[in-house]
Every structure is written in C-alpha cells, then in structure tokens.
Amino acid sequence: MAEYRHIPVFLASDDNYAPFAATMMYSVLEHTDAFIDFYVLDGGISDESKILIAASLAAFEHKSLTYFDMSAYGLGRFPNVKHYSLNAFSRYFIPELAQQLEKIIYLDVDIIVKGDIAELYDEDMGGYPIAAVLEDFYAGNWTMLKEKIYPQYNGGDRYFNTGVLLLDIPQLIAGNYTDKMIKLTVELSDKLNCPDQDVFNILFENNFKVLDYRYNFMPGHWQMLQEKHPEIKTIAPFAIHYTAGKPWRGSCEMKEEFDRVLRETYFATLVKDKFQGEQKNISYSVRLFVFIPLSKIAVKRNKIYVKLFGVLPFYKITQKHGKAKHYLFGILPWLVIKDKN
C-alpha cells in the first residue's frame, strides 16, 4: 500500500449514532487521498455496530480506526441537558488521548464532508489553541450564556460552534484545559444550555482562530447567516452540519447529500427501518375540552331566559306552555401529535 501523510480525525458516538458516525467517516474518505486515522470516542457502541462500521468503510484502504472506551472517564459527573448525550463531554479528554499528536480535527457525526479534509487540516491556526466557525448569526446561544449562565462572558457574537474544531494538542495540554473544562462544567451543571459548547466558549473566549463558514455550514440557519452577513451571497459548503433538523428523522435542507452517503454504508436499511418505526410510534391523542356553557336557555314560568355563559341574562321571551332547560356547550377538539422518540 502506498505511503500517505496521516491526518487524525476524532469523533464521538454512542450506539444510537453509530450509523451517522459511519456516514460521516465515509464522506471524509471519499473526498480525501491522505491516510485518515479515525479516533472514536466510544460511548457504548455495540460490537455489531462496529462490525457494520468496518464493513461500511472496507472499500477504503487509506484509513485506520481506533476506539477509545469512554466509560472509565467519569462522564456521569456531567449534567444531562435537553437532548444532548453525555458522550458529548468526551471531547474534554482529547488532549489526554492524543498526547502523541500535534494537531487534530474533531467532527460531529451529524456532518457530511464534501471536500478534501487535508484542506481543513492545513489551515493556519495563527498560534491559537483551537480553531472554529462562528455561530454569530444565532443570538440565542451567546445571550443565554452571558445573561443566565456566565455573566463574565465577554465574547459576544464571537460565540463559536464546536461541531468542527481544529485542536493544537500541545497547547491544550500545557494550558491544562481538560481539568479546566471538567471543573467549569461541574460548577455550571444546573445552568448550561449548550453544555460542552458553552464551556468551550467560556474557556476560549476570544482566544481562537476563526474559520470560514463553509467549514461548518449549517443549512438550517442559512437565512439567519445571510441576515447577519448580507455581503455573503453564496457558500460552497466544505462540511454540511445538520444542526437544525436531522436528515434521518425527516425532511430538512440538503438532506439529499446525507441520504446519498448513507446509502453507501451498511446502515441504510437499519436507519430507514428505525425512522419508519419512529413514524409508526408517533402517538396521536385527541382531547375534547368542555368549557363553561356558551349559553344557557332556561324555560321557567312561561318565560324563556337566554343567559350568556350560563350566567348573564341577555334575552328573554314569554312562552305559554312547558318547562325545560337546555345547555349548549362549547366543545373544542384539539389534536395533539407527540413524537415519543
């Protein structure tokens, strides 16, 4: 086999995300000639899934695959926040796991790479410990960080997304960043919004190299990006990051590119079946809410009283015969569709 330069790429996955880890790695390999050393921060990937991952990537000889069992790293000390997996905190330990390396790429598994990963790896980091793409078009995350989580934060709209990172390992080790991230996460455990991403932004506030948006293009936020930067007319994505809608769950922007790569793996049928199963497991509940009477008609002593809401009389007529009461209720059907998954 020919000799190649080696590019280390780290990713984090549990068994649920194994199909997408395979899909992301496949997309890297199909666009890159350099030898890719994949390092998987393993949050519980089954042996069966590892076999399918290996089979999915078998056509490419220019790769290696190493799994780091993260069960011994105390991820349970970190907070469960919204939909985020505890395995996301595995990134904190990359400096320890990559001590022999100078520089590494980290990629989230909900990403499809469309360019030669060597181009990203060769980006000049300008002496900074990390490089990342700004998320300045979405004010919610940095305002939440400043106003409710960490008032000392002064990064403003230079808040960055951690789905694509370049990491200078010697600088991270020298700065003892793993311990700092662990400590800060535990301190802020009941406040974090985007858990590990918030922590990265606090610790590397204004101390990172800004990468071009195309290296971490989020199609679901394209309109927001254009509103923030009207000078940007088009972007040719280097990496598509599905942050605002997952392509395996339904329709979303640029879904076709994800589907194309997924079909090249041994997970395509499994993902399809699981998605169809999720569709079948959607619960439909119909609830009937009965409110106070819209009107009340009372026939008493040859008079008919019509009372608004059953309380306020607003009309009456005289009737010669009969006594009766009739209630008209306001009935509102409300269809609630809830995805159990």
Protein backbone atom coordinates (compact mmCIF):
# COMPACT_ATOMS: atom_id res chain seq x y z
CA MET A 1 0.00 0.00 0.00
CA ALA A 2 1.27 3.45 -0.87
CA GLU A 3 2.55 5.75 1.87
CA TYR A 4 0.34 8.68 2.75
CA ARG A 5 0.51 11.62 5.11
CA HIS A 6 -1.63 10.89 8.15
CA ILE A 7 -4.46 13.14 9.31
CA PRO A 8 -6.04 12.40 12.72
CA VAL A 9 -9.81 12.86 12.91
CA PHE A 10 -11.65 12.48 16.22
CA LEU A 11 -15.38 11.90 16.62
CA ALA A 12 -17.73 10.95 19.46
CA SER A 13 -20.55 8.44 19.19
CA ASP A 14 -22.72 6.06 21.15
CA ASP A 15 -24.56 3.12 19.62
CA ASN A 16 -27.56 5.21 18.58
CA TYR A 17 -25.33 7.45 16.49
CA ALA A 18 -23.13 4.69 15.06
CA PRO A 19 -24.88 4.81 11.63
CA PHE A 20 -24.15 8.51 11.35
CA ALA A 21 -20.57 8.09 12.51
CA ALA A 22 -20.10 5.63 9.66
CA THR A 23 -21.78 8.02 7.22
CA MET A 24 -19.60 10.96 8.26
CA MET A 25 -16.40 8.88 8.04
CA TYR A 26 -17.39 7.58 4.61
CA SER A 27 -17.86 11.15 3.38
CA VAL A 28 -14.39 12.07 4.62
CA LEU A 29 -12.73 9.12 2.93
CA GLU A 30 -14.42 9.52 -0.44
CA HIS A 31 -13.07 13.06 -0.81
CA THR A 32 -9.58 12.65 0.67
CA ASP A 33 -6.40 10.98 -0.57
CA ALA A 34 -4.44 11.35 2.66
CA PHE A 35 -4.43 8.49 5.17
CA ILE A 36 -7.10 9.17 7.80
CA ASP A 37 -6.60 7.95 11.35
CA PHE A 38 -10.08 7.92 12.87
CA TYR A 39 -10.28 8.01 16.67
CA VAL A 40 -13.75 7.25 18.01
CA LEU A 41 -14.69 8.45 21.49
CA ASP A 42 -16.80 5.39 22.20
CA GLY A 43 -19.83 5.99 24.41
CA GLY A 44 -21.13 2.43 24.16
CA ILE A 45 -21.04 1.34 20.54
CA SER A 46 -22.02 -2.32 20.26
CA ASP A 47 -19.79 -4.96 18.68
CA GLU A 48 -22.41 -5.44 15.97
CA SER A 49 -22.32 -1.75 15.09
CA LYS A 50 -18.52 -1.78 15.00
CA ILE A 51 -18.65 -4.64 12.51
CA LEU A 52 -21.06 -2.68 10.33
CA ILE A 53 -18.89 0.44 10.57
CA ALA A 54 -15.84 -1.54 9.46
CA ALA A 55 -17.79 -3.11 6.60
CA SER A 56 -19.10 0.29 5.52
CA LEU A 57 -15.57 1.66 5.23
CA ALA A 58 -13.94 -1.51 3.87
CA ALA A 59 -13.61 -0.15 0.33
CA PHE A 60 -11.16 2.49 1.54
CA GLU A 61 -7.63 1.34 2.37
CA HIS A 62 -6.36 4.76 3.41
CA LYS A 63 -7.73 4.71 6.94
CA SER A 64 -7.33 3.29 10.43
CA LEU A 65 -9.99 3.03 13.11
CA THR A 66 -9.31 3.24 16.85
CA TYR A 67 -11.93 3.15 19.60
CA PHE A 68 -11.44 4.77 22.99
CA ASP A 69 -13.75 3.33 25.65
CA MET A 70 -15.02 6.41 27.48
CA SER A 71 -16.75 4.51 30.29
CA ALA A 72 -13.75 5.00 32.57
CA TYR A 73 -13.69 8.79 32.23
CA GLY A 74 -16.48 9.62 34.65
CA LEU A 75 -18.93 11.14 32.19
CA GLY A 76 -21.67 10.54 34.74
CA ARG A 77 -20.45 13.54 36.73
CA PHE A 78 -21.66 15.84 33.95
CA PRO A 79 -25.22 17.16 33.57
CA ASN A 80 -27.94 15.71 31.36
CA VAL A 81 -29.08 18.73 29.36
CA LYS A 82 -32.02 18.55 26.93
CA HIS A 83 -31.29 16.18 24.04
CA TYR A 84 -27.51 16.21 24.44
CA SER A 85 -25.71 12.95 25.07
CA LEU A 86 -23.25 12.68 27.95
CA ASN A 87 -20.79 11.34 25.39
CA ALA A 88 -20.50 14.89 24.01
CA PHE A 89 -18.30 15.63 27.02
CA SER A 90 -15.81 13.07 25.72
CA ARG A 91 -14.20 15.90 23.77
CA TYR A 92 -12.75 17.23 27.01
CA PHE A 93 -10.39 14.26 27.11
CA ILE A 94 -8.96 14.56 23.58
CA PRO A 95 -5.72 16.23 24.79
CA GLU A 96 -5.08 13.24 27.08
CA LEU A 97 -5.94 10.70 24.38
CA ALA A 98 -3.97 12.47 21.66
CA GLN A 99 -0.77 13.25 23.57
CA GLN A 100 1.39 11.87 20.76
CA LEU A 101 -0.20 14.15 18.18
CA GLU A 102 0.44 17.80 17.35
CA LYS A 103 -2.81 18.80 15.74
CA ILE A 104 -6.15 17.06 15.26
CA ILE A 105 -9.54 17.60 13.63
CA TYR A 106 -12.73 16.99 15.60
CA LEU A 107 -16.02 16.44 13.71
CA ASP A 108 -19.55 15.88 14.98
CA VAL A 109 -21.25 12.84 13.48
CA ASP A 110 -24.22 14.81 12.11
CA ILE A 111 -21.89 16.15 9.42
CA ILE A 112 -21.29 15.29 5.78
CA VAL A 113 -17.90 16.34 4.42
CA LYS A 114 -17.79 17.44 0.80
CA GLY A 115 -14.14 18.47 0.48
CA ASP A 116 -10.62 17.14 0.98
CA ILE A 117 -10.14 17.05 4.74
CA ALA A 118 -6.47 17.89 4.24
CA GLU A 119 -7.56 21.41 3.28
CA LEU A 120 -9.12 21.90 6.71
CA TYR A 121 -6.17 20.26 8.46
CA ASP A 122 -3.73 22.59 6.71
CA GLU A 123 -5.48 25.75 7.90
CA ASP A 124 -3.04 28.03 9.71
CA MET A 125 -4.19 28.28 13.32
CA GLY A 126 -2.26 31.50 13.85
CA GLY A 127 -0.81 30.35 17.15
CA TYR A 128 -4.21 29.80 18.76
CA PRO A 129 -5.01 26.62 20.72
CA ILE A 130 -8.20 25.94 18.74
CA ALA A 131 -9.91 26.99 15.51
CA ALA A 132 -13.67 27.02 14.94
CA VAL A 133 -16.50 28.54 12.90
CA LEU A 134 -18.56 31.37 14.36
CA GLU A 135 -22.20 30.94 15.27
CA ASP A 136 -22.65 34.71 15.33
CA PHE A 137 -25.88 34.52 13.32
CA TYR A 138 -27.77 32.91 16.20
CA ALA A 139 -28.01 35.32 19.12
CA GLY A 140 -29.89 32.95 21.39
CA ASN A 141 -26.86 30.96 22.48
CA TRP A 142 -24.46 33.76 23.34
CA THR A 143 -27.09 35.93 25.00
CA MET A 144 -28.16 32.95 27.11
CA LEU A 145 -24.52 32.36 28.03
CA LYS A 146 -24.00 35.99 29.06
CA GLU A 147 -27.31 36.67 30.77
CA LYS A 148 -28.15 33.41 32.53
CA ILE A 149 -25.13 31.12 32.64
CA TYR A 150 -21.86 33.01 32.94
CA PRO A 151 -22.13 36.82 33.28
CA GLN A 152 -18.35 37.17 32.95
CA TYR A 153 -18.55 36.05 29.32
CA ASN A 154 -17.50 38.88 27.00
CA GLY A 155 -17.19 37.05 23.71
CA GLY A 156 -20.47 38.45 22.39
CA ASP A 157 -21.31 37.29 18.89
CA ARG A 158 -17.91 35.64 18.58
CA TYR A 159 -19.58 32.61 20.07
CA PHE A 160 -18.48 29.58 18.04
CA ASN A 161 -19.93 26.19 17.16
CA THR A 162 -17.97 23.15 18.31
CA GLY A 163 -19.12 20.72 15.61
CA VAL A 164 -15.92 21.31 13.63
CA LEU A 165 -12.72 22.02 15.53
CA LEU A 166 -9.01 22.16 14.92
CA LEU A 167 -7.11 21.50 18.14
CA ASP A 168 -3.46 22.24 18.94
CA ILE A 169 -2.77 19.39 21.36
CA PRO A 170 0.49 20.65 22.98
CA GLN A 171 -1.15 24.00 23.79
CA LEU A 172 -4.21 22.31 25.28
CA ILE A 173 -2.03 20.09 27.44
CA ALA A 174 0.16 22.99 28.56
CA GLY A 175 -2.93 25.02 29.47
CA ASN A 176 -4.40 22.13 31.47
CA TYR A 177 -7.66 22.64 29.59
CA THR A 178 -9.11 19.21 30.29
CA ASP A 179 -9.17 19.87 34.04
CA LYS A 180 -10.50 23.39 33.48
CA MET A 181 -13.37 22.11 31.34
CA ILE A 182 -14.28 19.41 33.85
CA LYS A 183 -14.27 21.84 36.76
CA LEU A 184 -16.29 24.53 34.97
CA THR A 185 -18.88 22.04 33.72
CA VAL A 186 -19.48 20.69 37.22
CA GLU A 187 -19.74 24.25 38.60
CA LEU A 188 -22.29 25.30 35.98
CA SER A 189 -24.09 21.97 35.70
CA ASP A 190 -27.52 23.39 36.58
CA LYS A 191 -27.22 26.36 34.22
CA LEU A 192 -25.73 25.15 30.94
CA ASN A 193 -27.76 25.49 27.75
CA CYS A 194 -25.47 24.05 25.06
CA PRO A 195 -23.43 22.16 27.63
CA ASP A 196 -19.92 21.41 26.33
CA GLN A 197 -20.17 24.14 23.66
CA ASP A 198 -20.88 26.77 26.31
CA VAL A 199 -17.86 25.60 28.28
CA PHE A 200 -15.59 25.74 25.22
CA ASN A 201 -16.76 29.30 24.54
CA ILE A 202 -16.10 30.42 28.10
CA LEU A 203 -12.60 28.97 28.26
CA PHE A 204 -11.53 30.01 24.75
CA GLU A 205 -13.31 33.37 24.73
CA ASN A 206 -11.64 35.48 22.02
CA ASN A 207 -8.71 33.03 22.04
CA PHE A 208 -9.37 31.02 18.90
CA LYS A 209 -8.80 31.17 15.15
CA VAL A 210 -11.97 31.93 13.18
CA LEU A 211 -12.55 29.53 10.30
CA ASP A 212 -14.61 30.26 7.21
CA TYR A 213 -18.33 29.44 7.43
CA ARG A 214 -18.02 26.84 4.69
CA TYR A 215 -16.06 24.56 7.01
CA ASN A 216 -19.12 24.20 9.24
CA PHE A 217 -22.09 25.16 7.10
CA MET A 218 -25.45 24.82 8.85
CA PRO A 219 -28.11 24.79 6.11
CA GLY A 220 -30.97 25.18 8.55
CA HIS A 221 -29.52 28.55 9.59
CA TRP A 222 -28.61 29.84 6.13
CA GLN A 223 -31.25 32.58 6.18
CA MET A 224 -30.08 33.76 9.59
CA LEU A 225 -26.49 33.83 8.36
CA GLN A 226 -27.49 35.94 5.35
CA GLU A 227 -29.38 38.36 7.58
CA LYS A 228 -26.30 38.72 9.77
CA HIS A 229 -23.95 38.96 6.79
CA PRO A 230 -25.81 40.29 3.73
CA GLU A 231 -22.48 40.53 1.93
CA ILE A 232 -22.38 36.71 1.76
CA LYS A 233 -24.39 35.77 -1.30
CA THR A 234 -23.48 32.09 -1.66
CA ILE A 235 -21.48 29.44 0.16
CA ALA A 236 -20.00 26.27 -1.27
CA PRO A 237 -20.11 24.03 1.82
CA PHE A 238 -16.99 22.14 2.72
CA ALA A 239 -18.86 20.39 5.52
CA ILE A 240 -22.64 20.27 5.98
CA HIS A 241 -23.66 20.31 9.64
CA TYR A 242 -27.28 19.32 10.28
CA THR A 243 -27.89 21.38 13.40
CA ALA A 244 -31.48 22.47 12.71
CA GLY A 245 -33.14 19.24 11.66
CA LYS A 246 -31.69 15.76 11.40
CA PRO A 247 -31.92 14.18 7.94
CA TRP A 248 -32.57 10.71 9.33
CA ARG A 249 -35.72 11.96 11.08
CA GLY A 250 -37.41 13.63 8.15
CA SER A 251 -37.10 16.37 5.59
CA CYS A 252 -34.51 19.10 6.07
CA GLU A 253 -32.27 21.31 4.00
CA MET A 254 -29.61 19.42 2.00
CA LYS A 255 -31.00 16.06 3.11
CA GLU A 256 -30.25 14.52 -0.30
CA GLU A 257 -26.49 14.69 0.28
CA PHE A 258 -26.80 12.85 3.58
CA ASP A 259 -29.07 10.21 2.02
CA ARG A 260 -26.62 9.67 -0.83
CA VAL A 261 -23.75 8.89 1.52
CA LEU A 262 -25.87 6.85 3.94
CA ARG A 263 -26.86 4.55 1.06
CA GLU A 264 -23.18 3.67 0.63
CA THR A 265 -23.00 2.25 4.16
CA TYR A 266 -24.36 -0.94 5.70
CA PHE A 267 -26.66 1.12 7.92
CA ALA A 268 -29.02 2.44 5.23
CA THR A 269 -31.75 -0.17 5.75
CA LEU A 270 -31.42 -0.05 9.53
CA VAL A 271 -31.82 3.72 9.58
CA LYS A 272 -34.78 3.55 7.23
CA ASP A 273 -36.48 0.89 9.34
CA LYS A 274 -35.84 2.81 12.52
CA PHE A 275 -37.19 6.01 11.03
CA GLN A 276 -40.29 4.24 9.77
CA GLY A 277 -40.67 2.70 13.20
CA GLU A 278 -40.48 6.14 14.73
CA GLN A 279 -43.22 7.27 12.39
CA LYS A 280 -45.39 4.35 13.49
CA ASN A 281 -44.69 5.09 17.13
CA ILE A 282 -45.87 8.67 16.93
CA SER A 283 -48.73 8.95 19.37
CA TYR A 284 -51.90 10.69 18.32
CA SER A 285 -54.11 11.82 21.16
CA VAL A 286 -57.42 13.56 20.65
CA ARG A 287 -58.61 15.57 23.59
CA LEU A 288 -62.04 17.12 23.99
CA PHE A 289 -62.12 20.14 26.23
CA VAL A 290 -65.56 21.13 27.52
CA PHE A 291 -65.72 24.74 28.56
CA ILE A 292 -68.35 26.60 30.54
CA PRO A 293 -71.64 26.90 28.62
CA LEU A 294 -71.58 29.37 25.79
CA SER A 295 -75.26 29.94 26.51
CA LYS A 296 -77.96 28.62 28.77
CA ILE A 297 -81.61 28.50 27.80
CA ALA A 298 -83.99 28.19 30.74
CA VAL A 299 -87.73 27.89 30.37
CA LYS A 300 -89.46 28.81 33.59
CA ARG A 301 -92.92 30.14 34.39
CA ASN A 302 -93.85 30.68 30.76
CA LYS A 303 -90.74 32.74 30.15
CA ILE A 304 -87.61 31.76 28.23
CA TYR A 305 -84.35 33.15 29.55
CA VAL A 306 -81.20 33.03 27.46
CA LYS A 307 -78.12 33.58 29.61
CA LEU A 308 -74.66 34.23 28.17
CA PHE A 309 -72.12 31.75 29.59
CA GLY A 310 -74.97 30.45 31.71
CA VAL A 311 -74.69 33.44 33.99
CA LEU A 312 -75.52 36.77 32.38
CA PRO A 313 -79.13 37.12 31.12
CA PHE A 314 -79.28 38.97 27.85
CA TYR A 315 -82.61 37.93 26.30
CA LYS A 316 -85.98 36.58 27.41
CA ILE A 317 -89.28 35.75 25.77
CA THR A 318 -92.64 34.56 27.12
CA GLN A 319 -93.82 31.04 26.47
CA LYS A 320 -97.27 29.75 27.34
CA HIS A 321 -96.53 26.10 27.93
CA GLY A 322 -93.86 23.89 29.29
CA LYS A 323 -90.79 23.98 31.45
CA ALA A 324 -87.39 22.87 30.23
CA LYS A 325 -83.71 23.56 30.38
CA HIS A 326 -81.23 23.19 27.58
CA TYR A 327 -77.49 23.73 27.70
CA LEU A 328 -75.29 24.48 24.72
CA PHE A 329 -71.71 23.63 25.50
CA GLY A 330 -68.64 24.90 23.71
CA ILE A 331 -66.68 21.86 22.60
CA LEU A 332 -63.20 22.27 21.15
CA PRO A 333 -61.41 19.23 19.72
CA TRP A 334 -57.65 19.56 19.99
CA LEU A 335 -55.34 17.17 18.14
CA VAL A 336 -52.03 16.67 19.89
CA ILE A 337 -49.28 14.93 17.93
CA LYS A 338 -46.35 13.93 20.00
CA ASP A 339 -43.28 12.08 18.79
CA LYS A 340 -42.31 9.65 21.53
CA ASN A 341 -38.83 9.34 20.15
